[in-house]
């Protein structure tokens, strides 16, 4: 029998840890003068697409589609708090 309440609690705890750690998925531009893209993610690089604004979602999907053409393959790193 699967206990969803404990798995939900574990998922919520993981989300809290990732929010505190501040991870981001970075798509760097391949060419000078072009823009890169940065999106919040968890430590594994998973982006909560449902949590993005409409514009951010469109940018995320575009960046993914342009990997190797306009953007480099993404990398996960901890966010730098300014």
N, C-alpha and C. Protein backbone atom coordinates (compact mmCIF):
# COMPACT_ATOMS: atom_id res chain seq x y z
N UNK A 1 0.85 -1.18 0.00
CA UNK A 1 0.00 0.00 0.00
C UNK A 1 0.89 1.24 0.00
N UNK A 2 0.58 2.19 -0.84
CA UNK A 2 1.34 3.42 -0.98
C UNK A 2 0.77 4.50 -0.07
N UNK A 3 1.61 5.09 0.72
CA UNK A 3 1.18 6.15 1.64
C UNK A 3 1.48 7.50 1.01
N UNK A 4 0.48 8.13 0.43
CA UNK A 4 0.71 9.39 -0.29
C UNK A 4 0.97 10.56 0.63
N UNK A 5 0.46 10.52 1.84
CA UNK A 5 0.66 11.67 2.73
C UNK A 5 2.13 11.81 3.11
N UNK A 6 2.83 10.70 3.34
CA UNK A 6 4.26 10.81 3.67
C UNK A 6 5.07 11.19 2.44
N UNK A 7 4.66 10.71 1.27
CA UNK A 7 5.39 11.10 0.05
C UNK A 7 5.13 12.57 -0.27
N UNK A 8 3.91 13.05 0.01
CA UNK A 8 3.63 14.48 -0.18
C UNK A 8 4.43 15.32 0.79
N UNK A 9 4.57 14.85 2.03
CA UNK A 9 5.35 15.57 3.02
C UNK A 9 6.82 15.61 2.62
N UNK A 10 7.32 14.49 2.10
CA UNK A 10 8.71 14.43 1.64
C UNK A 10 8.92 15.38 0.46
N UNK A 11 7.97 15.42 -0.45
CA UNK A 11 8.07 16.31 -1.60
C UNK A 11 8.04 17.77 -1.16
N UNK A 12 7.19 18.08 -0.19
CA UNK A 12 7.11 19.45 0.31
C UNK A 12 8.41 19.84 1.02
N UNK A 13 8.98 18.91 1.77
CA UNK A 13 10.25 19.18 2.45
C UNK A 13 11.36 19.40 1.44
N UNK A 14 11.38 18.59 0.38
CA UNK A 14 12.40 18.76 -0.66
C UNK A 14 12.24 20.10 -1.36
N UNK A 15 10.99 20.49 -1.63
CA UNK A 15 10.75 21.78 -2.28
C UNK A 15 11.21 22.94 -1.40
N UNK A 16 11.00 22.81 -0.10
CA UNK A 16 11.45 23.86 0.83
C UNK A 16 12.97 23.94 0.85
N UNK A 17 13.64 22.79 0.89
CA UNK A 17 15.11 22.79 0.87
C UNK A 17 15.63 23.42 -0.40
N UNK A 18 15.02 23.09 -1.53
CA UNK A 18 15.47 23.65 -2.80
C UNK A 18 15.21 25.14 -2.88
N UNK A 19 14.10 25.60 -2.32
CA UNK A 19 13.80 27.03 -2.33
C UNK A 19 14.83 27.79 -1.49
N UNK A 20 15.21 27.19 -0.36
CA UNK A 20 16.21 27.83 0.49
C UNK A 20 17.56 27.83 -0.20
N UNK A 21 17.92 26.70 -0.81
CA UNK A 21 19.21 26.60 -1.49
C UNK A 21 19.25 27.52 -2.70
N UNK A 22 18.12 27.72 -3.36
CA UNK A 22 18.04 28.61 -4.50
C UNK A 22 18.78 28.09 -5.72
N UNK A 23 18.28 27.05 -6.32
CA UNK A 23 18.88 26.48 -7.51
C UNK A 23 18.32 27.15 -8.76
N UNK A 24 19.11 27.20 -9.81
CA UNK A 24 18.65 27.76 -11.08
C UNK A 24 19.20 26.95 -12.24
N UNK A 25 18.42 26.90 -13.30
CA UNK A 25 18.80 26.24 -14.54
C UNK A 25 19.20 27.33 -15.51
N UNK A 26 20.45 27.29 -15.98
CA UNK A 26 20.99 28.37 -16.82
C UNK A 26 21.23 27.87 -18.24
N UNK A 27 20.68 28.59 -19.19
CA UNK A 27 20.94 28.37 -20.61
C UNK A 27 21.80 29.54 -21.08
N UNK A 28 23.08 29.32 -21.27
CA UNK A 28 23.98 30.39 -21.70
C UNK A 28 23.89 30.55 -23.22
N UNK A 29 24.06 31.78 -23.72
CA UNK A 29 24.02 31.98 -25.18
C UNK A 29 25.26 31.39 -25.84
N UNK A 30 25.10 30.89 -27.05
CA UNK A 30 26.24 30.38 -27.80
C UNK A 30 26.99 31.48 -28.54
N UNK A 31 26.33 32.60 -28.78
CA UNK A 31 26.93 33.67 -29.57
C UNK A 31 26.95 34.98 -28.78
N UNK A 32 28.00 35.74 -28.96
CA UNK A 32 28.13 37.04 -28.29
C UNK A 32 26.97 37.94 -28.70
N UNK A 33 26.45 38.68 -27.76
CA UNK A 33 25.36 39.61 -28.04
C UNK A 33 23.98 38.99 -27.97
N UNK A 34 23.90 37.68 -27.82
CA UNK A 34 22.59 37.03 -27.69
C UNK A 34 22.27 36.85 -26.22
N UNK A 35 21.01 36.62 -25.92
CA UNK A 35 20.60 36.52 -24.52
C UNK A 35 20.63 35.08 -24.03
N UNK A 36 20.88 34.96 -22.73
CA UNK A 36 20.79 33.68 -22.07
C UNK A 36 19.49 33.64 -21.27
N UNK A 37 19.19 32.50 -20.69
CA UNK A 37 17.95 32.32 -19.94
C UNK A 37 18.26 31.63 -18.61
N UNK A 38 17.57 32.04 -17.56
CA UNK A 38 17.74 31.46 -16.23
C UNK A 38 16.36 31.21 -15.64
N UNK A 39 16.17 30.01 -15.09
CA UNK A 39 14.89 29.63 -14.51
C UNK A 39 15.09 28.97 -13.16
N UNK A 40 14.20 29.20 -12.19
CA UNK A 40 14.31 28.52 -10.90
C UNK A 40 14.05 27.03 -11.08
N UNK A 41 14.79 26.23 -10.34
CA UNK A 41 14.63 24.77 -10.44
C UNK A 41 15.01 24.13 -9.11
N UNK A 42 14.93 22.81 -9.07
CA UNK A 42 15.41 22.10 -7.89
C UNK A 42 16.86 21.67 -8.14
N UNK A 43 17.43 20.97 -7.19
CA UNK A 43 18.83 20.59 -7.27
C UNK A 43 19.11 19.63 -8.44
N UNK A 44 18.09 18.98 -8.95
CA UNK A 44 18.25 18.07 -10.09
C UNK A 44 18.00 18.75 -11.42
N UNK A 45 17.63 20.04 -11.39
CA UNK A 45 17.39 20.77 -12.63
C UNK A 45 15.96 20.72 -13.11
N UNK A 46 15.05 20.23 -12.29
CA UNK A 46 13.64 20.15 -12.67
C UNK A 46 12.97 21.50 -12.46
N UNK A 47 12.42 22.05 -13.51
CA UNK A 47 11.72 23.33 -13.45
C UNK A 47 10.23 23.08 -13.24
N UNK A 48 9.63 23.80 -12.31
CA UNK A 48 8.18 23.71 -12.06
C UNK A 48 7.49 24.56 -13.12
N UNK A 49 7.15 23.94 -14.25
CA UNK A 49 6.57 24.69 -15.36
C UNK A 49 5.23 25.30 -14.98
N UNK A 50 4.48 24.65 -14.09
CA UNK A 50 3.20 25.20 -13.65
C UNK A 50 3.37 26.46 -12.82
N UNK A 51 4.54 26.62 -12.21
CA UNK A 51 4.80 27.78 -11.37
C UNK A 51 5.36 28.98 -12.12
N UNK A 52 5.65 28.82 -13.41
CA UNK A 52 6.19 29.92 -14.21
C UNK A 52 5.07 30.80 -14.74
N UNK A 53 5.38 32.08 -14.92
CA UNK A 53 4.42 32.96 -15.58
C UNK A 53 4.31 32.53 -17.04
N UNK A 54 3.32 33.03 -17.73
CA UNK A 54 3.14 32.67 -19.15
C UNK A 54 4.37 33.04 -19.98
N UNK A 55 4.90 34.23 -19.75
CA UNK A 55 6.08 34.68 -20.50
C UNK A 55 7.30 33.83 -20.15
N UNK A 56 7.50 33.54 -18.87
CA UNK A 56 8.63 32.70 -18.46
C UNK A 56 8.50 31.30 -19.04
N UNK A 57 7.29 30.76 -19.08
CA UNK A 57 7.07 29.44 -19.67
C UNK A 57 7.43 29.44 -21.14
N UNK A 58 7.01 30.47 -21.87
CA UNK A 58 7.35 30.56 -23.29
C UNK A 58 8.87 30.66 -23.48
N UNK A 59 9.53 31.44 -22.64
CA UNK A 59 10.99 31.56 -22.72
C UNK A 59 11.67 30.23 -22.39
N UNK A 60 11.15 29.53 -21.39
CA UNK A 60 11.71 28.24 -21.02
C UNK A 60 11.60 27.24 -22.18
N UNK A 61 10.43 27.15 -22.76
CA UNK A 61 10.22 26.23 -23.88
C UNK A 61 11.09 26.62 -25.08
N UNK A 62 11.24 27.91 -25.31
CA UNK A 62 12.11 28.38 -26.40
C UNK A 62 13.56 28.00 -26.13
N UNK A 63 14.04 28.26 -24.91
CA UNK A 63 15.42 27.94 -24.56
C UNK A 63 15.69 26.45 -24.73
N UNK A 64 14.75 25.63 -24.32
CA UNK A 64 14.91 24.18 -24.49
C UNK A 64 14.97 23.79 -25.96
N UNK A 65 14.13 24.42 -26.77
CA UNK A 65 14.10 24.09 -28.20
C UNK A 65 15.36 24.55 -28.93
N UNK A 66 16.01 25.59 -28.40
CA UNK A 66 17.18 26.17 -29.06
C UNK A 66 18.52 25.65 -28.54
N UNK A 67 18.48 24.61 -27.68
CA UNK A 67 19.73 24.04 -27.17
C UNK A 67 20.58 23.54 -28.34
N UNK A 68 21.82 24.00 -28.36
CA UNK A 68 22.73 23.61 -29.43
C UNK A 68 22.62 24.49 -30.67
N UNK A 69 21.62 25.33 -30.74
CA UNK A 69 21.45 26.25 -31.87
C UNK A 69 21.73 27.68 -31.45
N UNK A 70 21.05 28.14 -30.40
CA UNK A 70 21.26 29.49 -29.88
C UNK A 70 21.73 29.49 -28.44
N UNK A 71 21.39 28.42 -27.71
CA UNK A 71 21.80 28.33 -26.31
C UNK A 71 22.61 27.06 -26.09
N UNK A 72 23.48 27.11 -25.08
CA UNK A 72 24.24 25.92 -24.70
C UNK A 72 23.31 24.97 -23.94
N UNK A 73 23.76 23.72 -23.76
CA UNK A 73 23.00 22.80 -22.93
C UNK A 73 22.93 23.40 -21.53
N UNK A 74 21.81 23.28 -20.86
CA UNK A 74 21.66 23.95 -19.57
C UNK A 74 22.52 23.33 -18.48
N UNK A 75 22.82 24.14 -17.47
CA UNK A 75 23.52 23.65 -16.29
C UNK A 75 22.78 24.12 -15.06
N UNK A 76 22.87 23.32 -14.02
CA UNK A 76 22.22 23.63 -12.74
C UNK A 76 23.28 24.21 -11.82
N UNK A 77 22.94 25.31 -11.18
CA UNK A 77 23.85 25.89 -10.19
C UNK A 77 23.05 26.56 -9.10
N UNK A 78 23.69 26.78 -7.97
CA UNK A 78 23.01 27.48 -6.91
C UNK A 78 22.90 28.95 -7.27
N UNK A 79 21.78 29.54 -6.92
CA UNK A 79 21.55 30.96 -7.19
C UNK A 79 22.49 31.80 -6.35
N UNK A 80 22.89 32.91 -6.93
CA UNK A 80 23.69 33.88 -6.21
C UNK A 80 22.74 34.95 -5.71
N UNK A 81 22.67 35.12 -4.40
CA UNK A 81 21.78 36.13 -3.83
C UNK A 81 22.52 37.45 -3.78
N UNK A 82 21.91 38.47 -4.36
CA UNK A 82 22.56 39.79 -4.41
C UNK A 82 22.15 40.64 -3.23
